[in-house]
């Protein structure tokens, strides 16, 4: 059984190549959508799931601070 390795994806070409092979993915999964949020000073994480050094899964996490009123 192959082990899944989880690490940050830092290569735009690798990210986009993976995303474009999945028809259910849209612009909300793109590298540029992450850059848009990065420019808004949100933390972003492009997480890759690797099996035998091949990217088999990806997750774009965008951290946006909560805006709470009346606390």
N, C-alpha and C. Protein backbone atom coordinates (compact mmCIF):
# COMPACT_ATOMS: atom_id res chain seq x y z
N UNK A 1 0.85 -1.18 0.00
CA UNK A 1 0.00 0.00 0.00
C UNK A 1 0.89 1.24 0.00
N UNK A 2 0.68 2.12 -0.96
CA UNK A 2 1.49 3.33 -1.08
C UNK A 2 1.06 4.36 -0.04
N UNK A 3 2.03 5.07 0.46
CA UNK A 3 1.79 6.10 1.46
C UNK A 3 1.45 7.42 0.79
N UNK A 4 0.53 8.17 1.39
CA UNK A 4 0.18 9.51 0.89
C UNK A 4 1.04 10.52 1.65
N UNK A 5 1.73 11.35 0.91
CA UNK A 5 2.56 12.42 1.47
C UNK A 5 1.82 13.74 1.27
N UNK A 6 1.73 14.54 2.31
CA UNK A 6 1.05 15.84 2.24
C UNK A 6 2.10 16.93 2.35
N UNK A 7 2.12 17.83 1.34
CA UNK A 7 3.07 18.94 1.38
C UNK A 7 2.54 20.11 0.57
N UNK A 8 3.12 21.28 0.81
CA UNK A 8 2.72 22.47 0.08
C UNK A 8 3.17 22.37 -1.38
N UNK A 9 2.31 22.82 -2.28
CA UNK A 9 2.66 22.87 -3.70
C UNK A 9 3.16 24.28 -3.98
N UNK A 10 4.36 24.39 -4.49
CA UNK A 10 4.95 25.69 -4.76
C UNK A 10 5.16 25.94 -6.25
N UNK A 11 4.80 24.98 -7.07
CA UNK A 11 5.00 25.08 -8.52
C UNK A 11 3.67 25.32 -9.22
N UNK A 12 3.52 26.52 -9.80
CA UNK A 12 2.27 26.90 -10.46
C UNK A 12 1.93 25.93 -11.60
N UNK A 13 2.93 25.55 -12.39
CA UNK A 13 2.68 24.66 -13.53
C UNK A 13 2.15 23.31 -13.06
N UNK A 14 2.72 22.77 -12.01
CA UNK A 14 2.25 21.49 -11.46
C UNK A 14 0.80 21.61 -10.98
N UNK A 15 0.52 22.71 -10.25
CA UNK A 15 -0.83 22.94 -9.72
C UNK A 15 -1.85 23.03 -10.85
N UNK A 16 -1.57 23.89 -11.82
CA UNK A 16 -2.51 24.11 -12.92
C UNK A 16 -2.69 22.86 -13.77
N UNK A 17 -1.61 22.11 -13.99
CA UNK A 17 -1.72 20.87 -14.77
C UNK A 17 -2.65 19.89 -14.07
N UNK A 18 -2.55 19.80 -12.76
CA UNK A 18 -3.42 18.88 -12.01
C UNK A 18 -4.88 19.36 -12.06
N UNK A 19 -5.09 20.64 -11.82
CA UNK A 19 -6.46 21.19 -11.78
C UNK A 19 -7.15 21.04 -13.13
N UNK A 20 -6.43 21.28 -14.21
CA UNK A 20 -7.05 21.22 -15.54
C UNK A 20 -7.43 19.80 -15.96
N UNK A 21 -6.91 18.79 -15.28
CA UNK A 21 -7.28 17.41 -15.62
C UNK A 21 -8.56 16.96 -14.90
N UNK A 22 -9.13 17.85 -14.09
CA UNK A 22 -10.34 17.51 -13.35
C UNK A 22 -11.48 18.41 -13.80
N UNK A 23 -12.45 17.86 -14.52
CA UNK A 23 -13.54 18.68 -15.06
C UNK A 23 -14.41 19.36 -14.00
N UNK A 24 -14.42 18.84 -12.79
CA UNK A 24 -15.24 19.45 -11.74
C UNK A 24 -14.57 20.69 -11.15
N UNK A 25 -13.30 20.90 -11.43
CA UNK A 25 -12.58 22.07 -10.92
C UNK A 25 -12.97 23.31 -11.73
N UNK A 26 -12.95 24.46 -11.08
CA UNK A 26 -13.25 25.72 -11.77
C UNK A 26 -12.27 26.79 -11.31
N UNK A 27 -12.53 28.04 -11.63
CA UNK A 27 -11.58 29.11 -11.31
C UNK A 27 -11.32 29.23 -9.80
N UNK A 28 -12.24 28.77 -8.97
CA UNK A 28 -12.05 28.84 -7.53
C UNK A 28 -10.95 27.90 -7.04
N UNK A 29 -10.48 27.04 -7.91
CA UNK A 29 -9.38 26.13 -7.58
C UNK A 29 -8.07 26.58 -8.21
N UNK A 30 -8.09 27.62 -9.00
CA UNK A 30 -6.92 28.02 -9.79
C UNK A 30 -5.83 28.67 -8.93
N UNK A 31 -4.64 28.64 -9.46
CA UNK A 31 -3.49 29.30 -8.82
C UNK A 31 -3.77 30.79 -8.67
N UNK A 32 -4.35 31.40 -9.73
CA UNK A 32 -4.60 32.84 -9.71
C UNK A 32 -5.66 33.23 -8.68
N UNK A 33 -6.61 32.38 -8.39
CA UNK A 33 -7.59 32.68 -7.35
C UNK A 33 -6.89 32.75 -5.99
N UNK A 34 -5.94 31.87 -5.78
CA UNK A 34 -5.14 31.94 -4.56
C UNK A 34 -4.33 33.22 -4.50
N UNK A 35 -3.76 33.63 -5.63
CA UNK A 35 -2.99 34.88 -5.67
C UNK A 35 -3.88 36.09 -5.41
N UNK A 36 -5.11 36.06 -5.91
CA UNK A 36 -6.07 37.13 -5.65
C UNK A 36 -6.25 37.31 -4.14
N UNK A 37 -6.47 36.22 -3.44
CA UNK A 37 -6.67 36.29 -1.99
C UNK A 37 -5.37 36.64 -1.26
N UNK A 38 -4.26 36.18 -1.79
CA UNK A 38 -2.97 36.55 -1.21
C UNK A 38 -2.77 38.06 -1.28
N UNK A 39 -3.18 38.68 -2.37
CA UNK A 39 -3.07 40.14 -2.53
C UNK A 39 -4.02 40.90 -1.60
N UNK A 40 -5.05 40.22 -1.08
CA UNK A 40 -5.95 40.81 -0.09
C UNK A 40 -5.42 40.57 1.33
N UNK A 41 -4.20 40.10 1.43
CA UNK A 41 -3.54 39.79 2.70
C UNK A 41 -4.18 38.63 3.46
N UNK A 42 -4.82 37.70 2.72
CA UNK A 42 -5.31 36.47 3.33
C UNK A 42 -4.20 35.44 3.23
N UNK A 43 -4.10 34.60 4.23
CA UNK A 43 -3.15 33.50 4.15
C UNK A 43 -3.73 32.46 3.20
N UNK A 44 -2.88 31.91 2.35
CA UNK A 44 -3.32 30.83 1.46
C UNK A 44 -2.37 29.66 1.60
N UNK A 45 -2.92 28.48 1.43
CA UNK A 45 -2.14 27.25 1.47
C UNK A 45 -2.58 26.39 0.30
N UNK A 46 -1.63 26.03 -0.53
CA UNK A 46 -1.89 25.09 -1.62
C UNK A 46 -1.32 23.76 -1.17
N UNK A 47 -2.21 22.87 -0.76
CA UNK A 47 -1.82 21.59 -0.19
C UNK A 47 -1.90 20.53 -1.28
N UNK A 48 -0.85 19.75 -1.41
CA UNK A 48 -0.82 18.65 -2.36
C UNK A 48 -0.76 17.32 -1.65
N UNK A 49 -1.45 16.35 -2.21
CA UNK A 49 -1.44 14.98 -1.70
C UNK A 49 -0.73 14.13 -2.75
N UNK A 50 0.40 13.57 -2.38
CA UNK A 50 1.26 12.85 -3.31
C UNK A 50 1.28 11.37 -3.00
N UNK A 51 1.22 10.58 -4.05
CA UNK A 51 1.35 9.13 -3.93
C UNK A 51 2.45 8.73 -4.90
N UNK A 52 3.51 8.14 -4.38
CA UNK A 52 4.67 7.76 -5.20
C UNK A 52 5.17 8.95 -6.02
N UNK A 53 5.29 10.09 -5.42
CA UNK A 53 5.77 11.35 -5.99
C UNK A 53 4.87 11.94 -7.07
N UNK A 54 3.67 11.37 -7.25
CA UNK A 54 2.69 11.93 -8.21
C UNK A 54 1.60 12.66 -7.43
N UNK A 55 1.23 13.84 -7.92
CA UNK A 55 0.16 14.61 -7.29
C UNK A 55 -1.17 13.93 -7.58
N UNK A 56 -1.87 13.49 -6.53
CA UNK A 56 -3.14 12.79 -6.70
C UNK A 56 -4.31 13.54 -6.09
N UNK A 57 -4.03 14.63 -5.37
CA UNK A 57 -5.09 15.43 -4.78
C UNK A 57 -4.55 16.81 -4.45
N UNK A 58 -5.45 17.80 -4.43
CA UNK A 58 -5.04 19.17 -4.15
C UNK A 58 -6.13 19.90 -3.39
N UNK A 59 -5.70 20.84 -2.54
CA UNK A 59 -6.65 21.63 -1.78
C UNK A 59 -6.11 23.05 -1.67
N UNK A 60 -6.92 24.02 -2.03
CA UNK A 60 -6.57 25.42 -1.85
C UNK A 60 -7.31 25.90 -0.61
N UNK A 61 -6.55 26.25 0.43
CA UNK A 61 -7.13 26.75 1.67
C UNK A 61 -6.88 28.25 1.75
N UNK A 62 -7.94 29.02 1.98
CA UNK A 62 -7.85 30.46 2.11
C UNK A 62 -8.32 30.82 3.51
N UNK A 63 -7.44 31.47 4.28
CA UNK A 63 -7.76 31.84 5.66
C UNK A 63 -8.16 33.31 5.66
N UNK A 64 -9.39 33.57 6.04
CA UNK A 64 -9.89 34.93 6.11
C UNK A 64 -10.32 35.20 7.55
N UNK A 65 -9.79 36.26 8.16
CA UNK A 65 -10.15 36.54 9.55
C UNK A 65 -11.66 36.77 9.72
N UNK A 66 -12.19 36.26 10.79
CA UNK A 66 -13.61 36.45 11.08
C UNK A 66 -13.86 37.90 11.47
N UNK A 67 -14.98 38.42 11.03
CA UNK A 67 -15.37 39.78 11.40
C UNK A 67 -16.57 39.66 12.33
N UNK A 68 -16.33 39.92 13.60
CA UNK A 68 -17.38 39.75 14.59
C UNK A 68 -17.78 41.10 15.13
N UNK A 69 -19.08 41.28 15.25
CA UNK A 69 -19.63 42.55 15.71
C UNK A 69 -20.33 42.29 17.06
N UNK A 70 -20.15 43.20 17.98
CA UNK A 70 -20.88 43.11 19.24
C UNK A 70 -20.32 42.15 20.24
N UNK A 71 -19.04 41.83 20.11
CA UNK A 71 -18.44 40.91 21.09
C UNK A 71 -17.66 41.70 22.10
